[in-house]
Amino acid sequence: MSLKRMELKVEIENYYDYIREN
């Protein structure tokens, strides 16, 4: 797994957490 892919995964998880709170 590439570093860029891991960074993208973290960004997506943070994005969904943000949506869930609103």
PDB file of N, CA and C in Angstrom:
ATOM      1  N   MET A   1       0.857  -1.203   0.000  1.00  0.00           N
ATOM      2  CA  MET A   1       0.000   0.000   0.000  1.00  0.00           C
ATOM      3  C   MET A   1       0.885   1.243   0.000  1.00  0.00           C
ATOM      4  N   SER A   2       0.525   2.182  -0.834  1.00  0.00           N
ATOM      5  CA  SER A   2       1.330   3.397  -0.934  1.00  0.00           C
ATOM      6  C   SER A   2       0.965   4.408   0.140  1.00  0.00           C
ATOM      7  N   LEU A   3       1.885   5.301   0.412  1.00  0.00           N
ATOM      8  CA  LEU A   3       1.649   6.341   1.417  1.00  0.00           C
ATOM      9  C   LEU A   3       0.485   7.230   0.990  1.00  0.00           C
ATOM     10  N   LYS A   4       0.419   7.583  -0.279  1.00  0.00           N
ATOM     11  CA  LYS A   4      -0.680   8.430  -0.748  1.00  0.00           C
ATOM     12  C   LYS A   4      -2.025   7.763  -0.504  1.00  0.00           C
ATOM     13  N   ARG A   5      -2.094   6.473  -0.713  1.00  0.00           N
ATOM     14  CA  ARG A   5      -3.360   5.756  -0.503  1.00  0.00           C
ATOM     15  C   ARG A   5      -3.738   5.793   0.975  1.00  0.00           C
ATOM     16  N   MET A   6      -2.771   5.633   1.859  1.00  0.00           N
ATOM     17  CA  MET A   6      -3.069   5.681   3.301  1.00  0.00           C
ATOM     18  C   MET A   6      -3.534   7.071   3.698  1.00  0.00           C
ATOM     19  N   GLU A   7      -2.902   8.106   3.149  1.00  0.00           N
ATOM     20  CA  GLU A   7      -3.317   9.474   3.459  1.00  0.00           C
ATOM     21  C   GLU A   7      -4.734   9.715   2.965  1.00  0.00           C
ATOM     22  N   LEU A   8      -5.055   9.203   1.801  1.00  0.00           N
ATOM     23  CA  LEU A   8      -6.399   9.374   1.258  1.00  0.00           C
ATOM     24  C   LEU A   8      -7.422   8.668   2.140  1.00  0.00           C
ATOM     25  N   LYS A   9      -7.076   7.490   2.614  1.00  0.00           N
ATOM     26  CA  LYS A   9      -7.985   6.742   3.491  1.00  0.00           C
ATOM     27  C   LYS A   9      -8.279   7.543   4.763  1.00  0.00           C
ATOM     28  N   VAL A  10      -7.260   8.140   5.349  1.00  0.00           N
ATOM     29  CA  VAL A  10      -7.447   8.937   6.572  1.00  0.00           C
ATOM     30  C   VAL A  10      -8.328  10.144   6.277  1.00  0.00           C
ATOM     31  N   GLU A  11      -8.108  10.799   5.151  1.00  0.00           N
ATOM     32  CA  GLU A  11      -8.920  11.960   4.797  1.00  0.00           C
ATOM     33  C   GLU A  11     -10.382  11.574   4.644  1.00  0.00           C
ATOM     34  N   ILE A  12     -10.639  10.440   4.019  1.00  0.00           N
ATOM     35  CA  ILE A  12     -12.025   9.978   3.824  1.00  0.00           C
ATOM     36  C   ILE A  12     -12.662   9.662   5.174  1.00  0.00           C
ATOM     37  N   GLU A  13     -11.938   8.992   6.058  1.00  0.00           N
ATOM     38  CA  GLU A  13     -12.495   8.672   7.381  1.00  0.00           C
ATOM     39  C   GLU A  13     -12.805   9.948   8.157  1.00  0.00           C
ATOM     40  N   ASN A  14     -11.921  10.926   8.098  1.00  0.00           N
ATOM     41  CA  ASN A  14     -12.167  12.190   8.805  1.00  0.00           C
ATOM     42  C   ASN A  14     -13.371  12.900   8.198  1.00  0.00           C
ATOM     43  N   TYR A  15     -13.515  12.815   6.881  1.00  0.00           N
ATOM     44  CA  TYR A  15     -14.640  13.450   6.199  1.00  0.00           C
ATOM     45  C   TYR A  15     -15.958  12.830   6.643  1.00  0.00           C
ATOM     46  N   TYR A  16     -16.008  11.521   6.727  1.00  0.00           N
ATOM     47  CA  TYR A  16     -17.243  10.856   7.157  1.00  0.00           C
ATOM     48  C   TYR A  16     -17.542  11.155   8.621  1.00  0.00           C
ATOM     49  N   ASP A  17     -16.510  11.239   9.452  1.00  0.00           N
ATOM     50  CA  ASP A  17     -16.736  11.594  10.865  1.00  0.00           C
ATOM     51  C   ASP A  17     -17.329  13.003  10.949  1.00  0.00           C
ATOM     52  N   TYR A  18     -16.857  13.899  10.113  1.00  0.00           N
ATOM     53  CA  TYR A  18     -17.356  15.276  10.105  1.00  0.00           C
ATOM     54  C   TYR A  18     -18.828  15.308   9.687  1.00  0.00           C
ATOM     55  N   ILE A  19     -19.175  14.548   8.678  1.00  0.00           N
ATOM     56  CA  ILE A  19     -20.569  14.499   8.209  1.00  0.00           C
ATOM     57  C   ILE A  19     -21.476  13.919   9.298  1.00  0.00           C
ATOM     58  N   ARG A  20     -21.016  12.888   9.961  1.00  0.00           N
ATOM     59  CA  ARG A  20     -21.834  12.209  10.963  1.00  0.00           C
ATOM     60  C   ARG A  20     -22.173  13.161  12.121  1.00  0.00           C
ATOM     61  N   GLU A  21     -21.272  14.090  12.430  1.00  0.00           N
ATOM     62  CA  GLU A  21     -21.517  15.007  13.545  1.00  0.00           C
ATOM     63  C   GLU A  21     -22.535  16.080  13.182  1.00  0.00           C
ATOM     64  N   ASN A  22     -22.767  16.321  11.904  1.00  0.00           N
ATOM     65  CA  ASN A  22     -23.686  17.386  11.489  1.00  0.00           C
ATOM     66  C   ASN A  22     -25.010  16.832  10.994  1.00  0.00           C
TER      67      ASN A  22
END
